[in-house]
Amino acid sequence: MRTFELVHPSKYDKLLKFVKTKIAGDARSKSIVGDLTHTWELVRGILEENYVIRRTLDYYTCKMFSAMQEKGESVASWGISVDEIQTDLREAARRVCKEEEIKGAVGLINHLGKACFIRRLHNERIQTIVRSRGESILLSQAIEISLSKKAPYSPCEKNLELWDPS
């Protein structure tokens, strides 16, 4: 609700009244019944409860497993995309999991997100380098390793790697 934060404090009441007039449907019914609209925090709660997009666990799972690094997309941007999907998937899991299941679900989501990030990198050499660091690394570490290895080898570097001084 950044609009409220951008308005001068002397205009809060006018903005609050305007927003209240635009609330419709179930949200309006809830706000009228309990007179839950006298503060911005109460109105915000009603709006979030009724209008925030909360997609299903299935939706975010499919989104994660079908995501790919786009042609020309930087490794950093790809990492951010996976991190955002992971965050949404963890939120969805928290809504459906029992309390005792959450820790395991979040851990699994973290590892699956990292695996999707690595598997869907365009550069196979970078995939191999990141995989060689082990399965226990975090997504942030996989991104960092990928960023440090993103520049292709120059012919001189490639020759140095193949050179055996013995």
N, C-alpha and C. Protein backbone atom coordinates (compact mmCIF):
# COMPACT_ATOMS: atom_id res chain seq x y z
N MET A 1 0.83 -1.18 0.00
CA MET A 1 0.00 0.00 0.00
C MET A 1 0.88 1.25 0.00
N ARG A 2 1.75 1.33 -0.94
CA ARG A 2 2.70 2.42 -1.02
C ARG A 2 2.04 3.77 -1.28
N THR A 3 0.88 3.79 -1.91
CA THR A 3 0.20 5.06 -2.19
C THR A 3 -0.04 5.81 -0.90
N PHE A 4 -0.47 5.10 0.12
CA PHE A 4 -0.75 5.73 1.40
C PHE A 4 0.51 6.36 1.97
N GLU A 5 1.64 5.70 1.78
CA GLU A 5 2.90 6.21 2.29
C GLU A 5 3.37 7.44 1.52
N LEU A 6 2.92 7.59 0.27
CA LEU A 6 3.34 8.72 -0.55
C LEU A 6 2.50 9.97 -0.33
N VAL A 7 1.34 9.81 0.25
CA VAL A 7 0.44 10.94 0.48
C VAL A 7 0.88 11.70 1.73
N HIS A 8 0.73 13.01 1.67
CA HIS A 8 1.06 13.84 2.83
C HIS A 8 0.15 13.44 4.00
N PRO A 9 0.70 13.35 5.21
CA PRO A 9 -0.10 12.90 6.36
C PRO A 9 -1.40 13.69 6.56
N SER A 10 -1.43 14.93 6.18
CA SER A 10 -2.66 15.71 6.35
C SER A 10 -3.77 15.24 5.41
N LYS A 11 -3.43 14.44 4.39
CA LYS A 11 -4.41 13.95 3.41
C LYS A 11 -4.81 12.49 3.63
N TYR A 12 -4.30 11.87 4.70
CA TYR A 12 -4.60 10.46 4.96
C TYR A 12 -6.09 10.19 5.04
N ASP A 13 -6.83 11.05 5.75
CA ASP A 13 -8.27 10.81 5.91
C ASP A 13 -9.00 10.81 4.58
N LYS A 14 -8.64 11.74 3.69
CA LYS A 14 -9.28 11.80 2.38
C LYS A 14 -8.98 10.55 1.56
N LEU A 15 -7.74 10.11 1.57
CA LEU A 15 -7.38 8.92 0.82
C LEU A 15 -8.10 7.70 1.40
N LEU A 16 -8.15 7.60 2.71
CA LEU A 16 -8.82 6.47 3.35
C LEU A 16 -10.30 6.44 2.96
N LYS A 17 -10.96 7.59 2.98
CA LYS A 17 -12.37 7.66 2.56
C LYS A 17 -12.54 7.25 1.10
N PHE A 18 -11.63 7.70 0.24
CA PHE A 18 -11.70 7.35 -1.17
C PHE A 18 -11.55 5.84 -1.37
N VAL A 19 -10.55 5.25 -0.72
CA VAL A 19 -10.32 3.81 -0.85
C VAL A 19 -11.53 3.04 -0.34
N LYS A 20 -12.11 3.48 0.78
CA LYS A 20 -13.28 2.79 1.33
C LYS A 20 -14.46 2.81 0.36
N THR A 21 -14.59 3.86 -0.43
CA THR A 21 -15.69 3.92 -1.39
C THR A 21 -15.49 2.96 -2.54
N LYS A 22 -14.25 2.54 -2.79
CA LYS A 22 -13.94 1.65 -3.91
C LYS A 22 -13.99 0.17 -3.53
N ILE A 23 -14.08 -0.13 -2.25
CA ILE A 23 -14.14 -1.53 -1.82
C ILE A 23 -15.52 -2.08 -2.20
N ALA A 24 -15.52 -3.28 -2.80
CA ALA A 24 -16.77 -3.88 -3.25
C ALA A 24 -16.84 -5.35 -2.82
N GLY A 25 -17.98 -5.95 -3.01
CA GLY A 25 -18.16 -7.39 -2.80
C GLY A 25 -18.01 -7.81 -1.35
N ASP A 26 -17.42 -8.99 -1.16
CA ASP A 26 -17.25 -9.56 0.18
C ASP A 26 -16.43 -8.64 1.09
N ALA A 27 -15.44 -8.00 0.52
CA ALA A 27 -14.60 -7.10 1.33
C ALA A 27 -15.44 -5.96 1.89
N ARG A 28 -16.36 -5.44 1.09
CA ARG A 28 -17.22 -4.35 1.55
C ARG A 28 -18.14 -4.85 2.67
N SER A 29 -18.70 -6.03 2.48
CA SER A 29 -19.58 -6.59 3.51
C SER A 29 -18.84 -6.76 4.82
N LYS A 30 -17.64 -7.29 4.77
CA LYS A 30 -16.85 -7.50 5.98
C LYS A 30 -16.53 -6.18 6.66
N SER A 31 -16.21 -5.17 5.87
CA SER A 31 -15.81 -3.89 6.46
C SER A 31 -17.00 -3.17 7.08
N ILE A 32 -18.19 -3.32 6.51
CA ILE A 32 -19.38 -2.64 7.03
C ILE A 32 -19.87 -3.30 8.31
N VAL A 33 -19.91 -4.65 8.31
CA VAL A 33 -20.45 -5.39 9.45
C VAL A 33 -19.71 -5.05 10.74
N GLY A 34 -18.44 -5.06 10.71
CA GLY A 34 -17.68 -4.82 11.94
C GLY A 34 -17.14 -3.42 12.07
N ASP A 35 -17.55 -2.51 11.17
CA ASP A 35 -16.99 -1.17 11.12
C ASP A 35 -15.47 -1.24 11.24
N LEU A 36 -14.91 -2.01 10.31
CA LEU A 36 -13.46 -2.26 10.34
C LEU A 36 -12.68 -1.35 9.41
N THR A 37 -13.15 -0.13 9.22
CA THR A 37 -12.46 0.73 8.27
C THR A 37 -12.08 2.09 8.84
N HIS A 38 -11.97 2.20 10.14
CA HIS A 38 -11.64 3.51 10.71
C HIS A 38 -10.13 3.79 10.74
N THR A 39 -9.31 2.77 10.48
CA THR A 39 -7.87 3.02 10.38
C THR A 39 -7.35 2.38 9.10
N TRP A 40 -6.24 2.91 8.63
CA TRP A 40 -5.63 2.39 7.41
C TRP A 40 -5.23 0.93 7.59
N GLU A 41 -4.71 0.57 8.76
CA GLU A 41 -4.28 -0.81 9.01
C GLU A 41 -5.43 -1.79 8.86
N LEU A 42 -6.61 -1.42 9.35
CA LEU A 42 -7.78 -2.29 9.22
C LEU A 42 -8.22 -2.43 7.76
N VAL A 43 -8.24 -1.32 7.03
CA VAL A 43 -8.61 -1.35 5.62
C VAL A 43 -7.59 -2.18 4.85
N ARG A 44 -6.35 -1.98 5.15
CA ARG A 44 -5.28 -2.74 4.48
C ARG A 44 -5.45 -4.24 4.69
N GLY A 45 -5.76 -4.63 5.91
CA GLY A 45 -5.99 -6.05 6.21
C GLY A 45 -7.13 -6.63 5.39
N ILE A 46 -8.22 -5.89 5.27
CA ILE A 46 -9.38 -6.34 4.48
C ILE A 46 -8.99 -6.46 3.01
N LEU A 47 -8.29 -5.47 2.50
CA LEU A 47 -7.88 -5.50 1.09
C LEU A 47 -6.95 -6.68 0.81
N GLU A 48 -5.97 -6.89 1.68
CA GLU A 48 -5.04 -8.01 1.48
C GLU A 48 -5.76 -9.34 1.55
N GLU A 49 -6.67 -9.47 2.50
CA GLU A 49 -7.40 -10.73 2.67
C GLU A 49 -8.25 -11.06 1.45
N ASN A 50 -8.78 -10.04 0.80
CA ASN A 50 -9.72 -10.27 -0.29
C ASN A 50 -9.16 -10.10 -1.69
N TYR A 51 -8.07 -9.37 -1.83
CA TYR A 51 -7.62 -9.05 -3.18
C TYR A 51 -6.21 -9.49 -3.52
N VAL A 52 -5.41 -9.90 -2.55
CA VAL A 52 -4.04 -10.33 -2.84
C VAL A 52 -4.12 -11.65 -3.62
N ILE A 53 -3.29 -11.75 -4.65
CA ILE A 53 -3.27 -12.97 -5.44
C ILE A 53 -2.48 -14.02 -4.68
N ARG A 54 -3.15 -15.09 -4.36
CA ARG A 54 -2.50 -16.21 -3.69
C ARG A 54 -2.72 -17.43 -4.56
N ARG A 55 -1.73 -17.77 -5.30
CA ARG A 55 -1.85 -18.92 -6.19
C ARG A 55 -1.57 -20.20 -5.42
N THR A 56 -1.88 -21.30 -6.05
CA THR A 56 -1.78 -22.59 -5.39
C THR A 56 -0.36 -23.14 -5.41
N LEU A 57 -0.15 -24.12 -4.57
CA LEU A 57 1.12 -24.84 -4.52
C LEU A 57 1.42 -25.45 -5.88
N ASP A 58 0.41 -26.00 -6.51
CA ASP A 58 0.54 -26.61 -7.83
C ASP A 58 1.03 -25.59 -8.86
N TYR A 59 0.46 -24.39 -8.82
CA TYR A 59 0.84 -23.34 -9.77
C TYR A 59 2.33 -23.02 -9.64
N TYR A 60 2.80 -22.77 -8.42
CA TYR A 60 4.20 -22.39 -8.24
C TYR A 60 5.16 -23.55 -8.50
N THR A 61 4.72 -24.77 -8.21
CA THR A 61 5.55 -25.93 -8.52
C THR A 61 5.76 -26.04 -10.02
N CYS A 62 4.67 -25.93 -10.77
CA CYS A 62 4.77 -25.98 -12.24
C CYS A 62 5.62 -24.83 -12.77
N LYS A 63 5.44 -23.66 -12.19
CA LYS A 63 6.22 -22.50 -12.62
C LYS A 63 7.71 -22.73 -12.40
N MET A 64 8.07 -23.31 -11.24
CA MET A 64 9.48 -23.56 -10.95
C MET A 64 10.07 -24.57 -11.94
N PHE A 65 9.36 -25.67 -12.15
CA PHE A 65 9.91 -26.73 -12.98
C PHE A 65 9.89 -26.41 -14.48
N SER A 66 9.11 -25.41 -14.88
CA SER A 66 9.09 -25.05 -16.30
C SER A 66 9.93 -23.80 -16.59
N ALA A 67 10.42 -23.14 -15.55
CA ALA A 67 11.22 -21.92 -15.74
C ALA A 67 12.55 -22.25 -16.40
N MET A 68 12.99 -21.35 -17.25
CA MET A 68 14.28 -21.51 -17.93
C MET A 68 14.97 -20.15 -18.02
N GLN A 69 16.27 -20.18 -18.06
CA GLN A 69 17.02 -18.95 -18.31
C GLN A 69 16.74 -18.56 -19.75
N GLU A 70 16.23 -17.36 -19.93
CA GLU A 70 15.91 -16.87 -21.27
C GLU A 70 17.18 -16.57 -22.05
N LYS A 71 17.09 -16.68 -23.35
CA LYS A 71 18.24 -16.36 -24.20
C LYS A 71 18.59 -14.88 -23.97
N GLY A 72 19.84 -14.64 -23.67
CA GLY A 72 20.31 -13.28 -23.42
C GLY A 72 20.09 -12.81 -21.99
N GLU A 73 19.41 -13.61 -21.16
CA GLU A 73 19.18 -13.23 -19.77
C GLU A 73 20.46 -13.45 -18.96
N SER A 74 20.80 -12.51 -18.14
CA SER A 74 22.02 -12.64 -17.33
C SER A 74 21.82 -13.70 -16.25
N VAL A 75 22.93 -14.24 -15.77
CA VAL A 75 22.90 -15.22 -14.70
C VAL A 75 22.27 -14.59 -13.45
N ALA A 76 22.60 -13.35 -13.18
CA ALA A 76 22.05 -12.66 -12.01
C ALA A 76 20.53 -12.56 -12.11
N SER A 77 20.05 -12.16 -13.26
CA SER A 77 18.60 -12.03 -13.46
C SER A 77 17.91 -13.39 -13.35
N TRP A 78 18.52 -14.41 -13.91
CA TRP A 78 17.98 -15.77 -13.82
C TRP A 78 17.93 -16.21 -12.35
N GLY A 79 18.97 -15.91 -11.61
CA GLY A 79 19.00 -16.26 -10.18
C GLY A 79 17.89 -15.56 -9.41
N ILE A 80 17.67 -14.29 -9.71
CA ILE A 80 16.60 -13.53 -9.05
C ILE A 80 15.24 -14.15 -9.38
N SER A 81 15.04 -14.54 -10.64
CA SER A 81 13.77 -15.16 -11.03
C SER A 81 13.51 -16.44 -10.24
N VAL A 82 14.52 -17.29 -10.13
CA VAL A 82 14.36 -18.54 -9.39
C VAL A 82 14.10 -18.25 -7.91
N ASP A 83 14.81 -17.28 -7.36
CA ASP A 83 14.62 -16.92 -5.96
C ASP A 83 13.19 -16.43 -5.71
N GLU A 84 12.65 -15.64 -6.63
CA GLU A 84 11.27 -15.15 -6.48
C GLU A 84 10.27 -16.29 -6.55
N ILE A 85 10.47 -17.22 -7.48
CA ILE A 85 9.56 -18.37 -7.58
C ILE A 85 9.66 -19.21 -6.31
N GLN A 86 10.87 -19.40 -5.84
CA GLN A 86 11.09 -20.16 -4.60
C GLN A 86 10.35 -19.52 -3.43
N THR A 87 10.43 -18.22 -3.31
CA THR A 87 9.76 -17.50 -2.23
C THR A 87 8.25 -17.72 -2.32
N ASP A 88 7.68 -17.59 -3.52
CA ASP A 88 6.25 -17.80 -3.71
C ASP A 88 5.86 -19.24 -3.38
N LEU A 89 6.68 -20.19 -3.78
CA LEU A 89 6.41 -21.61 -3.52
C LEU A 89 6.47 -21.91 -2.02
N ARG A 90 7.43 -21.32 -1.32
CA ARG A 90 7.51 -21.51 0.13
C ARG A 90 6.26 -20.95 0.82
N GLU A 91 5.81 -19.77 0.38
CA GLU A 91 4.59 -19.17 0.94
C GLU A 91 3.39 -20.07 0.73
N ALA A 92 3.26 -20.59 -0.49
CA ALA A 92 2.14 -21.49 -0.79
C ALA A 92 2.22 -22.76 0.05
N ALA A 93 3.42 -23.28 0.24
CA ALA A 93 3.60 -24.49 1.05
C ALA A 93 3.21 -24.23 2.50
N ARG A 94 3.55 -23.06 3.02
CA ARG A 94 3.20 -22.73 4.41
C ARG A 94 1.69 -22.67 4.61
N ARG A 95 0.97 -22.30 3.55
CA ARG A 95 -0.50 -22.23 3.66
C ARG A 95 -1.13 -23.62 3.71
N VAL A 96 -0.51 -24.63 3.12
CA VAL A 96 -1.15 -25.95 3.05
C VAL A 96 -0.50 -27.00 3.96
N CYS A 97 0.72 -26.78 4.39
CA CYS A 97 1.42 -27.78 5.21
C CYS A 97 1.02 -27.68 6.68
N LYS A 98 1.09 -28.81 7.33
CA LYS A 98 0.92 -28.84 8.78
C LYS A 98 2.19 -28.26 9.39
N GLU A 99 2.08 -27.80 10.61
CA GLU A 99 3.21 -27.16 11.30
C GLU A 99 4.46 -28.03 11.28
N GLU A 100 4.29 -29.32 11.54
CA GLU A 100 5.44 -30.22 11.59
C GLU A 100 6.02 -30.53 10.21
N GLU A 101 5.32 -30.20 9.14
CA GLU A 101 5.79 -30.45 7.78
C GLU A 101 6.55 -29.27 7.17
N ILE A 102 6.36 -28.10 7.72
CA ILE A 102 6.88 -26.87 7.11
C ILE A 102 8.40 -26.89 6.95
N LYS A 103 9.12 -27.25 7.99
CA LYS A 103 10.59 -27.22 7.92
C LYS A 103 11.10 -28.11 6.78
N GLY A 104 10.58 -29.31 6.68
CA GLY A 104 11.00 -30.22 5.61
C GLY A 104 10.61 -29.72 4.24
N ALA A 105 9.40 -29.16 4.14
CA ALA A 105 8.92 -28.64 2.86
C ALA A 105 9.79 -27.48 2.39
N VAL A 106 10.11 -26.58 3.29
CA VAL A 106 10.93 -25.42 2.94
C VAL A 106 12.34 -25.88 2.53
N GLY A 107 12.90 -26.84 3.24
CA GLY A 107 14.22 -27.37 2.87
C GLY A 107 14.21 -27.99 1.49
N LEU A 108 13.18 -28.78 1.21
CA LEU A 108 13.07 -29.40 -0.11
C LEU A 108 12.90 -28.36 -1.20
N ILE A 109 12.07 -27.36 -0.96
CA ILE A 109 11.86 -26.29 -1.94
C ILE A 109 13.17 -25.57 -2.23
N ASN A 110 13.96 -25.33 -1.19
CA ASN A 110 15.25 -24.66 -1.38
C ASN A 110 16.17 -25.48 -2.29
N HIS A 111 16.23 -26.78 -2.06
CA HIS A 111 17.09 -27.64 -2.88
C HIS A 111 16.55 -27.78 -4.31
N LEU A 112 15.24 -27.88 -4.44
CA LEU A 112 14.66 -27.99 -5.79
C LEU A 112 14.87 -26.70 -6.58
N GLY A 113 14.74 -25.57 -5.91
CA GLY A 113 14.98 -24.29 -6.58
C GLY A 113 16.40 -24.17 -7.08
N LYS A 114 17.33 -24.58 -6.24
CA LYS A 114 18.75 -24.56 -6.64
C LYS A 114 18.99 -25.50 -7.81
N ALA A 115 18.40 -26.70 -7.74
CA ALA A 115 18.56 -27.67 -8.83
C ALA A 115 17.99 -27.13 -10.14
N CYS A 116 16.83 -26.48 -10.07
CA CYS A 116 16.23 -25.89 -11.28
C CYS A 116 17.10 -24.77 -11.83
N PHE A 117 17.66 -23.96 -10.93
CA PHE A 117 18.55 -22.88 -11.36
C PHE A 117 19.72 -23.46 -12.14
N ILE A 118 20.37 -24.47 -11.57
CA ILE A 118 21.56 -25.06 -12.20
C ILE A 118 21.19 -25.75 -13.51
N ARG A 119 20.16 -26.56 -13.46
CA ARG A 119 19.77 -27.38 -14.62
C ARG A 119 19.35 -26.51 -15.81
N ARG A 120 18.78 -25.36 -15.55
CA ARG A 120 18.26 -24.51 -16.62
C ARG A 120 19.19 -23.37 -17.03
N LEU A 121 20.43 -23.40 -16.53
CA LEU A 121 21.44 -22.46 -17.01
C LEU A 121 21.77 -22.80 -18.46
N HIS A 122 21.92 -21.80 -19.31
CA HIS A 122 22.24 -22.06 -20.71
C HIS A 122 23.63 -22.66 -20.89
N ASN A 123 24.56 -22.20 -20.10
CA ASN A 123 25.96 -22.59 -20.26
C ASN A 123 26.23 -23.90 -19.53
N GLU A 124 26.48 -24.96 -20.27
CA GLU A 124 26.71 -26.28 -19.68
C GLU A 124 28.00 -26.32 -18.86
N ARG A 125 29.00 -25.56 -19.27
CA ARG A 125 30.26 -25.51 -18.52
C ARG A 125 30.01 -24.97 -17.12
N ILE A 126 29.20 -23.92 -17.03
CA ILE A 126 28.88 -23.35 -15.72
C ILE A 126 28.06 -24.35 -14.91
N GLN A 127 27.13 -25.04 -15.54
CA GLN A 127 26.36 -26.07 -14.85
C GLN A 127 27.30 -27.08 -14.19
N THR A 128 28.27 -27.54 -14.97
CA THR A 128 29.21 -28.55 -14.47
C THR A 128 30.03 -28.02 -13.31
N ILE A 129 30.49 -26.80 -13.42
CA ILE A 129 31.30 -26.20 -12.36
C ILE A 129 30.48 -26.08 -11.08
N VAL A 130 29.24 -25.60 -11.20
CA VAL A 130 28.39 -25.43 -10.01
C VAL A 130 28.06 -26.79 -9.40
N ARG A 131 27.74 -27.77 -10.23
CA ARG A 131 27.43 -29.12 -9.72
C ARG A 131 28.62 -29.73 -8.98
N SER A 132 29.82 -29.40 -9.44
CA SER A 132 31.02 -29.98 -8.81
C SER A 132 31.21 -29.48 -7.38
N ARG A 133 30.53 -28.41 -7.01
CA ARG A 133 30.66 -27.87 -5.65
C ARG A 133 29.82 -28.65 -4.64
N GLY A 134 29.02 -29.60 -5.10
CA GLY A 134 28.24 -30.45 -4.20
C GLY A 134 26.79 -30.04 -4.12
N GLU A 135 25.99 -30.97 -3.65
CA GLU A 135 24.55 -30.74 -3.59
C GLU A 135 24.12 -29.92 -2.38
N SER A 136 25.00 -29.73 -1.42
CA SER A 136 24.61 -29.05 -0.19
C SER A 136 24.73 -27.53 -0.26
N ILE A 137 25.23 -26.98 -1.37
CA ILE A 137 25.36 -25.52 -1.47
C ILE A 137 23.96 -24.89 -1.56
N LEU A 138 23.87 -23.65 -1.19
CA LEU A 138 22.62 -22.90 -1.25
C LEU A 138 22.45 -22.28 -2.63
N LEU A 139 21.22 -21.85 -2.94
CA LEU A 139 20.97 -21.16 -4.19
C LEU A 139 21.86 -19.93 -4.32
N SER A 140 21.99 -19.16 -3.26
CA SER A 140 22.82 -17.96 -3.31
C SER A 140 24.27 -18.29 -3.66
N GLN A 141 24.77 -19.42 -3.14
CA GLN A 141 26.13 -19.84 -3.47
C GLN A 141 26.23 -20.31 -4.92
N ALA A 142 25.21 -21.00 -5.40
CA ALA A 142 25.19 -21.45 -6.80
C ALA A 142 25.19 -20.24 -7.74
N ILE A 143 24.44 -19.22 -7.38
CA ILE A 143 24.39 -17.99 -8.19
C ILE A 143 25.76 -17.32 -8.18
N GLU A 144 26.35 -17.21 -7.00
CA GLU A 144 27.67 -16.58 -6.86
C GLU A 144 28.73 -17.31 -7.69
N ILE A 145 28.73 -18.63 -7.60
CA ILE A 145 29.69 -19.43 -8.38
C ILE A 145 29.45 -19.22 -9.87
N SER A 146 28.19 -19.22 -10.27
CA SER A 146 27.84 -19.02 -11.68
C SER A 146 28.30 -17.66 -12.18
N LEU A 147 28.11 -16.65 -11.36
CA LEU A 147 28.53 -15.30 -11.75
C LEU A 147 30.04 -15.21 -11.88
N SER A 148 30.76 -15.91 -11.01
CA SER A 148 32.23 -15.84 -11.07
C SER A 148 32.78 -16.62 -12.26
N LYS A 149 32.00 -17.51 -12.83
CA LYS A 149 32.46 -18.35 -13.94
C LYS A 149 31.78 -18.00 -15.26
N LYS A 150 31.03 -16.90 -15.29
CA LYS A 150 30.20 -16.62 -16.47
C LYS A 150 30.98 -16.22 -17.71
N ALA A 151 32.14 -15.61 -17.56
CA ALA A 151 32.90 -15.19 -18.75
C ALA A 151 33.48 -16.41 -19.45
N PRO A 152 33.29 -16.51 -20.73
CA PRO A 152 33.85 -17.66 -21.43
C PRO A 152 35.38 -17.62 -21.40
N TYR A 153 35.97 -18.78 -21.50
CA TYR A 153 37.44 -18.85 -21.53
C TYR A 153 37.96 -18.15 -22.77
N SER A 154 39.06 -17.46 -22.58
CA SER A 154 39.75 -16.95 -23.76
C SER A 154 40.62 -18.09 -24.28
N PRO A 155 41.03 -18.05 -25.54
CA PRO A 155 41.88 -19.13 -26.07
C PRO A 155 43.15 -19.32 -25.24
N CYS A 156 43.71 -18.23 -24.72
CA CYS A 156 44.94 -18.34 -23.92
C CYS A 156 44.68 -19.11 -22.64
N GLU A 157 43.56 -18.80 -21.95
CA GLU A 157 43.23 -19.50 -20.71
C GLU A 157 42.99 -20.97 -20.97
N LYS A 158 42.33 -21.27 -22.05
CA LYS A 158 42.04 -22.67 -22.40
C LYS A 158 43.34 -23.44 -22.63
N ASN A 159 44.28 -22.80 -23.32
CA ASN A 159 45.57 -23.45 -23.57
C ASN A 159 46.34 -23.66 -22.28
N LEU A 160 46.26 -22.70 -21.35
CA LEU A 160 46.95 -22.85 -20.08
C LEU A 160 46.39 -24.00 -19.27
N GLU A 161 45.08 -24.20 -19.35
CA GLU A 161 44.47 -25.30 -18.63
C GLU A 161 44.92 -26.65 -19.16
N LEU A 162 45.14 -26.72 -20.46
CA LEU A 162 45.52 -27.98 -21.06
C LEU A 162 47.03 -28.22 -20.96
N TRP A 163 47.79 -27.20 -20.68
CA TRP A 163 49.23 -27.32 -20.60
C TRP A 163 49.64 -28.10 -19.38
N ASP A 164 50.47 -29.08 -19.55
CA ASP A 164 50.94 -29.91 -18.45
C ASP A 164 52.44 -29.66 -18.30
N PRO A 165 52.88 -28.97 -17.24
CA PRO A 165 54.29 -28.61 -17.11
C PRO A 165 55.21 -29.80 -16.81
N SER A 166 54.73 -30.96 -16.53
CA SER A 166 55.60 -32.08 -16.18
C SER A 166 56.22 -32.76 -17.37
